[in-house]
Every structure is written in C-alpha cells, then in structure tokens.
N, C-alpha and C. Protein backbone atom coordinates (compact mmCIF):
# COMPACT_ATOMS: atom_id res chain seq x y z
N UNK A 1 -15.28 0.96 23.48
CA UNK A 1 -16.53 0.22 23.20
C UNK A 1 -16.21 0.35 21.37
N UNK A 2 -16.40 -0.44 20.27
CA UNK A 2 -16.07 -0.57 19.97
C UNK A 2 -17.69 -0.46 18.78
N UNK A 3 -17.91 -0.18 17.81
CA UNK A 3 -19.29 -0.18 16.78
C UNK A 3 -19.40 -0.74 15.33
N UNK A 4 -19.96 -1.75 14.98
CA UNK A 4 -19.94 -2.42 13.80
C UNK A 4 -21.35 -2.44 12.94
N UNK A 5 -20.82 -3.17 11.48
CA UNK A 5 -21.92 -3.17 11.27
C UNK A 5 -22.03 -4.09 10.81
N UNK A 6 -23.44 -5.06 11.22
CA UNK A 6 -23.81 -6.75 10.51
C UNK A 6 -24.22 -6.95 9.63
N UNK A 7 -24.03 -6.69 8.35
CA UNK A 7 -24.88 -7.47 7.14
C UNK A 7 -25.34 -8.75 6.80
N UNK A 8 -26.72 -8.98 6.72
CA UNK A 8 -27.72 -10.42 6.08
C UNK A 8 -27.95 -9.96 5.32
N UNK A 9 -28.00 -11.53 4.44
CA UNK A 9 -28.44 -11.62 3.03
C UNK A 9 -29.98 -12.09 2.60
N UNK A 10 -30.59 -11.43 2.68
CA UNK A 10 -32.28 -12.07 2.43
C UNK A 10 -32.27 -13.16 1.35
N UNK A 11 -31.79 -13.48 0.61
CA UNK A 11 -31.77 -14.54 0.18
C UNK A 11 -31.19 -15.94 0.82
N UNK A 12 -30.46 -15.73 1.55
CA UNK A 12 -29.65 -16.64 2.60
C UNK A 12 -30.48 -16.79 3.83
N UNK A 13 -31.27 -15.61 4.24
CA UNK A 13 -31.59 -15.85 5.40
C UNK A 13 -32.98 -15.22 5.88
N UNK A 14 -34.20 -15.56 6.43
CA UNK A 14 -35.18 -14.59 6.53
C UNK A 14 -34.82 -13.35 7.48
N UNK A 15 -34.21 -12.76 7.89
CA UNK A 15 -33.73 -11.08 8.66
C UNK A 15 -35.18 -10.64 9.16
N UNK A 16 -35.55 -10.36 8.04
CA UNK A 16 -36.89 -9.54 8.53
C UNK A 16 -37.79 -10.47 9.57
N UNK A 17 -38.19 -11.90 9.13
CA UNK A 17 -38.58 -12.75 10.52
C UNK A 17 -38.02 -12.58 11.60
N UNK A 18 -36.96 -12.64 11.56
CA UNK A 18 -36.02 -12.75 12.47
C UNK A 18 -36.09 -11.75 13.43
N UNK A 19 -35.77 -10.53 13.29
CA UNK A 19 -35.97 -9.44 13.72
C UNK A 19 -37.01 -9.23 14.42
N UNK A 20 -38.18 -9.20 14.18
CA UNK A 20 -39.44 -9.54 14.23
C UNK A 20 -39.54 -10.17 15.62
N UNK A 21 -39.61 -11.20 15.64
CA UNK A 21 -39.46 -12.56 16.52
C UNK A 21 -38.50 -12.94 17.67
N UNK A 22 -37.47 -12.40 17.17
CA UNK A 22 -36.19 -13.16 18.25
C UNK A 22 -35.69 -11.51 18.75
N UNK A 23 -35.54 -11.72 20.65
CA UNK A 23 -34.68 -10.76 20.82
C UNK A 23 -33.61 -10.53 21.16
N UNK A 24 -32.53 -11.79 20.80
CA UNK A 24 -31.51 -12.22 20.67
C UNK A 24 -31.00 -12.89 19.62
N UNK A 25 -29.95 -12.64 18.70
CA UNK A 25 -29.32 -13.61 17.50
C UNK A 25 -28.25 -13.58 17.65
N UNK A 26 -27.70 -15.40 16.74
CA UNK A 26 -26.38 -15.40 16.71
C UNK A 26 -26.00 -14.97 15.06
N UNK A 27 -25.01 -14.36 15.01
CA UNK A 27 -24.39 -13.32 14.02
C UNK A 27 -22.95 -14.02 13.58
N UNK A 28 -22.82 -14.51 12.88
CA UNK A 28 -21.44 -15.11 11.73
C UNK A 28 -20.69 -13.55 12.12
N UNK A 29 -19.55 -13.91 12.17
CA UNK A 29 -18.01 -13.43 12.50
C UNK A 29 -17.14 -13.90 11.02
N UNK A 30 -17.00 -13.15 10.36
CA UNK A 30 -16.20 -13.48 8.82
C UNK A 30 -14.97 -12.69 9.36
N UNK A 31 -14.82 -11.34 9.87
CA UNK A 31 -13.84 -11.14 10.03
C UNK A 31 -13.89 -10.08 11.72
N UNK A 32 -12.43 -9.39 11.78
CA UNK A 32 -12.47 -8.65 13.06
C UNK A 32 -13.35 -9.74 14.12
N UNK A 33 -12.65 -10.76 14.29
CA UNK A 33 -12.58 -11.47 15.05
C UNK A 33 -12.34 -11.77 16.40
N UNK A 34 -11.10 -10.78 16.60
CA UNK A 34 -9.94 -10.76 18.22
C UNK A 34 -10.73 -9.46 18.05
N UNK A 35 -11.11 -8.26 17.39
CA UNK A 35 -11.55 -7.18 17.99
C UNK A 35 -13.61 -6.84 18.20
N UNK A 36 -13.66 -7.88 17.64
CA UNK A 36 -15.29 -7.56 18.64
C UNK A 36 -15.23 -8.18 19.72
N UNK A 37 -16.09 -7.55 20.38
CA UNK A 37 -16.40 -8.00 22.02
C UNK A 37 -17.29 -7.84 22.75
N UNK A 38 -18.20 -7.92 23.85
CA UNK A 38 -19.13 -8.13 24.45
C UNK A 38 -19.35 -6.17 24.62
N UNK A 39 -20.52 -6.18 24.65
CA UNK A 39 -20.58 -4.95 25.13
C UNK A 39 -20.54 -3.82 23.62
N UNK A 40 -19.75 -4.48 22.52
CA UNK A 40 -20.09 -3.46 21.03
C UNK A 40 -21.47 -3.51 20.83
N UNK A 41 -21.66 -1.89 20.46
CA UNK A 41 -23.33 -1.71 19.21
C UNK A 41 -22.59 -1.86 18.33
N UNK A 42 -23.73 -2.83 17.26
CA UNK A 42 -24.29 -3.41 16.19
C UNK A 42 -25.19 -2.60 15.18
N UNK A 43 -25.01 -2.03 14.02
CA UNK A 43 -25.97 -2.01 13.17
C UNK A 43 -26.46 -3.30 12.82
N UNK A 44 -27.75 -3.57 12.72
CA UNK A 44 -28.10 -4.46 11.49
C UNK A 44 -28.55 -4.57 9.90
N UNK A 45 -27.83 -4.23 9.21
CA UNK A 45 -27.71 -3.96 7.77
C UNK A 45 -28.69 -5.41 7.00
N UNK A 46 -29.87 -4.86 5.88
CA UNK A 46 -30.51 -5.88 5.47
C UNK A 46 -30.20 -5.60 4.39
N UNK A 47 -29.59 -6.64 3.35
CA UNK A 47 -28.82 -6.18 1.46
C UNK A 47 -29.85 -6.34 0.81
N UNK A 48 -29.46 -5.87 -0.85
CA UNK A 48 -31.02 -5.92 -1.31
C UNK A 48 -31.28 -4.83 -2.00
N UNK A 49 -32.73 -4.52 -2.39
CA UNK A 49 -33.37 -3.93 -2.80
C UNK A 49 -33.99 -2.57 -2.43
N UNK A 50 -33.75 -3.42 -0.71
CA UNK A 50 -34.78 -2.57 0.42
C UNK A 50 -33.55 -2.13 1.68
N UNK A 51 -31.93 -2.24 0.70
CA UNK A 51 -31.31 -2.90 1.81
C UNK A 51 -31.35 -1.03 2.95
N UNK A 52 -30.87 -1.60 4.39
CA UNK A 52 -30.67 -0.37 5.17
C UNK A 52 -30.32 -0.79 6.23
N UNK A 53 -30.39 -0.07 7.96
CA UNK A 53 -30.40 -0.28 8.44
C UNK A 53 -31.80 -0.70 9.49
N UNK A 54 -32.14 -2.36 9.72
CA UNK A 54 -33.01 -2.59 10.55
C UNK A 54 -33.28 -2.73 12.04
N UNK A 55 -32.00 -2.97 12.66
CA UNK A 55 -32.41 -2.86 13.86
C UNK A 55 -30.77 -2.22 14.34
N UNK A 56 -30.86 -1.87 16.05
CA UNK A 56 -30.14 -1.59 16.68
C UNK A 56 -29.72 -2.87 17.64
N UNK A 57 -28.41 -2.86 17.61
CA UNK A 57 -28.32 -4.28 18.69
C UNK A 57 -26.45 -4.03 19.62
N UNK A 58 -26.62 -4.93 20.26
CA UNK A 58 -25.28 -4.64 21.13
C UNK A 58 -25.02 -6.41 21.40
N UNK A 59 -23.72 -6.56 21.18
CA UNK A 59 -22.99 -8.10 21.22
C UNK A 59 -23.17 -8.61 22.76
N UNK A 60 -23.43 -9.54 22.97
CA UNK A 60 -23.46 -9.86 24.51
C UNK A 60 -22.60 -11.60 24.86
N UNK A 61 -21.92 -11.80 24.04
CA UNK A 61 -21.62 -13.17 23.93
C UNK A 61 -20.56 -12.73 23.30
N UNK A 62 -19.32 -12.90 23.30
CA UNK A 62 -18.20 -12.99 22.25
C UNK A 62 -18.22 -14.36 21.35
N UNK A 63 -17.34 -13.61 19.66
CA UNK A 63 -17.44 -14.90 18.97
C UNK A 63 -16.54 -15.93 18.97
N UNK A 64 -17.60 -17.16 18.90
CA UNK A 64 -16.97 -18.40 19.32
C UNK A 64 -17.42 -19.45 18.60
N UNK A 65 -17.45 -20.34 18.46
CA UNK A 65 -17.95 -21.51 17.37
C UNK A 65 -19.09 -22.34 18.36
N UNK A 66 -20.33 -22.20 17.64
CA UNK A 66 -21.30 -22.53 18.68
C UNK A 66 -21.32 -24.19 18.47
N UNK A 67 -21.72 -24.72 20.00
CA UNK A 67 -22.05 -26.11 19.72
C UNK A 67 -23.48 -26.45 18.45
N UNK A 68 -24.39 -25.53 18.67
CA UNK A 68 -25.63 -25.86 17.98
C UNK A 68 -26.07 -24.46 17.41
N UNK A 69 -26.83 -24.44 16.22
CA UNK A 69 -27.19 -22.77 15.65
C UNK A 69 -28.76 -23.17 16.02
N UNK A 70 -29.08 -21.79 16.63
CA UNK A 70 -30.50 -21.87 17.53
C UNK A 70 -30.88 -21.33 16.58
N UNK A 71 -30.75 -20.26 15.49
CA UNK A 71 -31.65 -19.50 14.38
C UNK A 71 -31.69 -20.35 13.45
N UNK A 72 -31.15 -21.71 12.89
CA UNK A 72 -31.22 -22.64 11.73
C UNK A 72 -32.83 -22.62 11.19
N UNK A 73 -33.97 -22.69 11.81
CA UNK A 73 -35.31 -21.94 10.79
C UNK A 73 -35.30 -20.73 10.00
N UNK A 74 -34.33 -19.83 10.27
CA UNK A 74 -34.22 -18.84 9.73
C UNK A 74 -33.51 -18.54 8.53
N UNK A 75 -32.90 -19.85 8.21
CA UNK A 75 -32.07 -20.05 7.05
C UNK A 75 -32.54 -20.65 6.09
N UNK A 76 -32.41 -20.16 4.91
CA UNK A 76 -32.93 -20.48 3.38
C UNK A 76 -32.60 -21.64 3.09
N UNK A 77 -31.23 -21.94 2.99
CA UNK A 77 -30.58 -22.82 2.66
C UNK A 77 -29.59 -23.31 3.93
N UNK A 78 -29.76 -24.62 4.45
CA UNK A 78 -29.22 -24.67 5.95
C UNK A 78 -27.59 -24.65 5.79
N UNK A 79 -27.41 -25.20 4.13
CA UNK A 79 -25.99 -25.45 3.86
C UNK A 79 -25.16 -24.09 3.78
N UNK A 80 -25.75 -23.18 4.02
CA UNK A 80 -25.40 -21.73 3.73
C UNK A 80 -24.81 -21.00 5.45
N UNK A 81 -25.86 -21.55 6.50
CA UNK A 81 -25.23 -21.54 7.29
C UNK A 81 -24.01 -21.21 8.41
N UNK A 82 -22.83 -22.12 7.54
CA UNK A 82 -21.52 -21.78 7.73
C UNK A 82 -21.49 -22.24 9.60
N UNK A 83 -22.08 -23.50 9.68
CA UNK A 83 -21.94 -23.93 11.12
C UNK A 83 -20.70 -23.79 11.76
N UNK A 84 -19.28 -24.29 10.99
CA UNK A 84 -18.21 -24.94 11.58
C UNK A 84 -17.59 -23.04 11.79
N UNK A 85 -18.14 -21.90 11.19
CA UNK A 85 -17.55 -20.33 11.70
C UNK A 85 -18.30 -19.93 13.29
N UNK A 86 -17.32 -19.15 13.50
CA UNK A 86 -17.17 -18.08 14.68
C UNK A 86 -18.57 -17.37 14.63
N UNK A 87 -19.28 -16.98 15.87
CA UNK A 87 -20.63 -16.45 15.73
C UNK A 87 -20.48 -15.58 17.32
N UNK A 88 -21.17 -14.10 17.24
CA UNK A 88 -21.84 -13.59 18.13
C UNK A 88 -22.85 -13.09 18.67
N UNK A 89 -23.51 -13.18 20.01
CA UNK A 89 -24.81 -13.68 20.09
C UNK A 89 -25.30 -11.71 20.22
N UNK A 90 -26.44 -11.27 19.30
CA UNK A 90 -26.69 -9.99 19.56
C UNK A 90 -28.12 -9.79 20.40
N UNK A 91 -27.61 -9.09 21.10
CA UNK A 91 -29.34 -8.94 21.55
C UNK A 91 -29.83 -7.36 20.86
N UNK A 92 -31.00 -7.26 20.13
CA UNK A 92 -31.79 -6.19 19.74
C UNK A 92 -32.00 -5.21 20.91
N UNK A 93 -31.58 -4.24 20.47
CA UNK A 93 -32.29 -2.72 21.40
C UNK A 93 -32.75 -2.01 20.72
N UNK A 94 -33.02 -1.92 19.65
CA UNK A 94 -34.25 -0.87 18.85
C UNK A 94 -33.82 -1.29 17.59
N UNK A 95 -36.10 -1.84 16.95
CA UNK A 95 -35.78 -2.42 16.16
C UNK A 95 -36.69 -1.58 15.16
N UNK A 96 -36.06 -1.54 14.12
CA UNK A 96 -36.33 -0.23 13.02
C UNK A 96 -37.76 -0.40 11.69
N UNK A 97 -37.93 -1.96 12.33
CA UNK A 97 -38.70 -2.78 10.74
C UNK A 97 -39.22 -1.54 10.33
N UNK A 98 -40.57 -0.80 11.07
CA UNK A 98 -41.51 0.59 9.94
C UNK A 98 -40.46 1.23 9.64
N UNK A 99 -39.57 1.58 10.07
CA UNK A 99 -38.94 2.49 9.74
C UNK A 99 -37.49 2.82 9.67
N UNK A 100 -36.95 1.74 8.40
CA UNK A 100 -35.89 1.64 8.36
C UNK A 100 -35.13 2.68 7.91
N UNK A 101 -33.39 2.63 8.63
CA UNK A 101 -32.95 4.29 7.79
C UNK A 101 -31.87 3.27 6.06
N UNK A 102 -33.14 3.70 5.22
CA UNK A 102 -32.54 2.91 4.11
C UNK A 102 -31.22 3.94 2.87
N UNK A 103 -30.53 2.39 2.84
CA UNK A 103 -29.52 3.00 1.88
C UNK A 103 -30.11 4.30 0.79
N UNK A 104 -30.53 4.27 0.30
CA UNK A 104 -31.08 5.45 -0.46
C UNK A 104 -31.33 6.51 0.28
N UNK A 105 -31.37 6.94 1.56
CA UNK A 105 -31.46 7.64 2.58
C UNK A 105 -29.93 8.00 3.19
N UNK A 106 -29.15 7.09 2.95
CA UNK A 106 -27.88 6.99 3.80
C UNK A 106 -26.63 7.51 2.98
N UNK A 107 -26.91 7.40 1.31
CA UNK A 107 -25.78 7.64 0.52
C UNK A 107 -25.85 9.34 0.45
N UNK A 108 -26.80 9.70 0.81
CA UNK A 108 -26.89 11.30 0.56
C UNK A 108 -27.30 12.07 2.43
N UNK A 109 -26.29 11.07 3.03
CA UNK A 109 -26.27 11.40 4.49
C UNK A 109 -24.66 11.74 4.66
N UNK A 110 -24.25 13.22 5.08
CA UNK A 110 -22.62 14.12 5.13
C UNK A 110 -22.00 12.71 5.92
N UNK A 111 -22.34 12.40 7.02
CA UNK A 111 -21.78 11.08 7.64
C UNK A 111 -22.11 9.60 7.37
N UNK A 112 -23.23 9.75 7.43
CA UNK A 112 -23.47 8.16 7.32
C UNK A 112 -22.70 7.57 5.71
N UNK A 113 -22.64 8.14 4.49
CA UNK A 113 -22.61 8.36 3.19
C UNK A 113 -20.96 7.62 2.89
N UNK A 114 -20.55 7.35 4.17
CA UNK A 114 -19.18 7.09 3.58
C UNK A 114 -19.33 5.78 4.82
N UNK A 115 -19.86 4.95 4.80
CA UNK A 115 -20.31 3.74 5.66
C UNK A 115 -19.65 2.81 4.91
N UNK A 116 -19.16 1.95 5.04
CA UNK A 116 -18.20 0.82 4.35
C UNK A 116 -19.05 0.11 3.59
N UNK A 117 -20.30 -0.07 4.24
CA UNK A 117 -21.38 -1.45 3.40
C UNK A 117 -22.09 -0.67 2.00
N UNK A 118 -21.88 0.95 2.11
CA UNK A 118 -22.11 1.63 1.02
C UNK A 118 -21.04 1.26 -0.30
N UNK A 119 -19.70 1.65 -0.02
CA UNK A 119 -18.92 1.79 -1.09
C UNK A 119 -18.10 0.60 -1.19
N UNK A 120 -18.70 -0.61 -0.53
CA UNK A 120 -17.39 -1.83 -0.82
C UNK A 120 -18.59 -3.46 -0.39
N UNK A 121 -19.53 -3.35 -0.17
CA UNK A 121 -21.08 -4.32 -0.06
C UNK A 121 -20.88 -5.63 0.32
N UNK A 122 -19.23 -6.12 -0.36
CA UNK A 122 -19.21 -7.53 -0.12
C UNK A 122 -18.70 -8.24 1.20
N UNK A 123 -19.30 -8.03 2.01
CA UNK A 123 -18.65 -8.60 3.60
C UNK A 123 -20.30 -8.94 4.90
N UNK A 124 -19.49 -8.89 5.50
CA UNK A 124 -20.94 -9.61 7.00
C UNK A 124 -20.48 -8.69 7.38
N UNK A 125 -19.33 -8.18 8.11
CA UNK A 125 -18.82 -7.47 9.13
C UNK A 125 -18.19 -6.24 8.96
N UNK A 126 -18.42 -5.01 9.93
CA UNK A 126 -17.94 -3.80 8.86
C UNK A 126 -17.52 -2.75 10.01
N UNK A 127 -16.75 -2.05 10.35
CA UNK A 127 -16.43 -1.26 11.43
C UNK A 127 -16.81 0.02 10.83
N UNK A 128 -17.64 0.54 12.19
CA UNK A 128 -18.73 1.97 11.95
C UNK A 128 -17.59 2.76 13.24
N UNK A 129 -17.68 4.04 12.20
CA UNK A 129 -17.06 5.11 13.19
C UNK A 129 -18.15 5.53 14.28
N UNK A 130 -17.68 6.51 15.51
CA UNK A 130 -17.97 6.15 16.59
C UNK A 130 -19.06 7.70 15.80
N UNK A 131 -18.77 8.84 15.11
CA UNK A 131 -19.33 9.71 14.89
C UNK A 131 -20.97 8.83 13.64
N UNK A 132 -20.23 8.17 13.01
CA UNK A 132 -21.42 7.09 12.30
C UNK A 132 -22.57 6.21 13.32
N UNK A 133 -21.83 5.91 13.92
CA UNK A 133 -22.89 5.41 15.21
C UNK A 133 -23.85 6.62 15.93
N UNK A 134 -22.99 7.34 16.56
CA UNK A 134 -23.94 8.48 17.01
C UNK A 134 -24.55 9.55 16.02
N UNK A 135 -24.31 9.09 14.99
CA UNK A 135 -25.47 9.87 13.81
C UNK A 135 -26.37 9.08 13.66
N UNK A 136 -26.38 7.42 13.31
CA UNK A 136 -27.42 6.97 13.38
C UNK A 136 -28.90 6.94 14.46
N UNK A 137 -27.80 7.01 16.02
CA UNK A 137 -28.69 7.07 16.92
C UNK A 137 -29.27 8.64 16.98
N UNK A 138 -28.98 9.44 16.18
CA UNK A 138 -29.50 10.98 16.27
C UNK A 138 -31.14 10.50 15.48
N UNK A 139 -30.25 9.82 14.33
CA UNK A 139 -31.89 9.70 13.14
C UNK A 139 -32.32 8.82 13.89
N UNK A 140 -32.06 7.70 14.38
CA UNK A 140 -33.20 7.01 14.59
C UNK A 140 -33.24 6.21 16.31
N UNK A 141 -32.44 6.77 17.33
CA UNK A 141 -32.47 6.58 18.45
C UNK A 141 -33.32 6.59 19.49
C-alpha cells in the first residue's frame, strides 16, 4: 500500500463543501497514474491561506478517464474540470473540517515539515512516506 497527498485549490473547486457533503469524490490524477492503486491512503490537502490536511481518504477506484464527472456542481469553473484526464475515486475515512492539520502547524513538525506540498506545492498528487502517514494518524487519526 502506498500513501499520497492530493491537493485541491479553492479557487477552482468548492472542496470544503464537497468534503462536508459527500462520502466519495472523484479526484484528478496528474502524475503517478501507474503507481496509484485501490486501497492506497490519501491525505486531502486544501491550498490557499488556510492550507492544510482536511480529510483522510482511501482510493476505491483506480485511475481512469470518467464517462461522466459526478462532482461538476462543485467546480467553480467547469472548464477547469479537465474532463478528459484520469481520476480516481476516493472514499473519506475521516473528515477534519473542524480541526484540520494546517500548514502553519505542519511546517514545524519534525516529520511532516518535509511533505513535498510544503516545499514544492505546484502539483495535484504527491507521494507521502509511511512515516509521514503514520504521523498524521498519530495527530488526527
């Protein structure tokens, strides 16, 4: 099993609403398409001023180009939905909306400060080490 961090941008997608209202969500896969598998764990990161981990999820469907995008209502600009790109389906295991693990806490944590999203945030999908995954669970699991 691998672990990932998937980043969403509130400029393009109403992710807080989606996490609150949905149990499962499709997520764009821009890299690691061949490595991401069903059963992998995912930390859901929201970018922006209040950036941080807002949910813990698992992959329940492998990357594939969808016939239909089930969450179009949450896209602020449908043109940004990239309908022709592969997506996985995530199931939320734990929603951290009331107490997210924010970037300003993470960057001082001896283990989590090395998350790639902290050092090079310009992507959608990031690898997470087992140690980083376990640390998030220690703090928020």
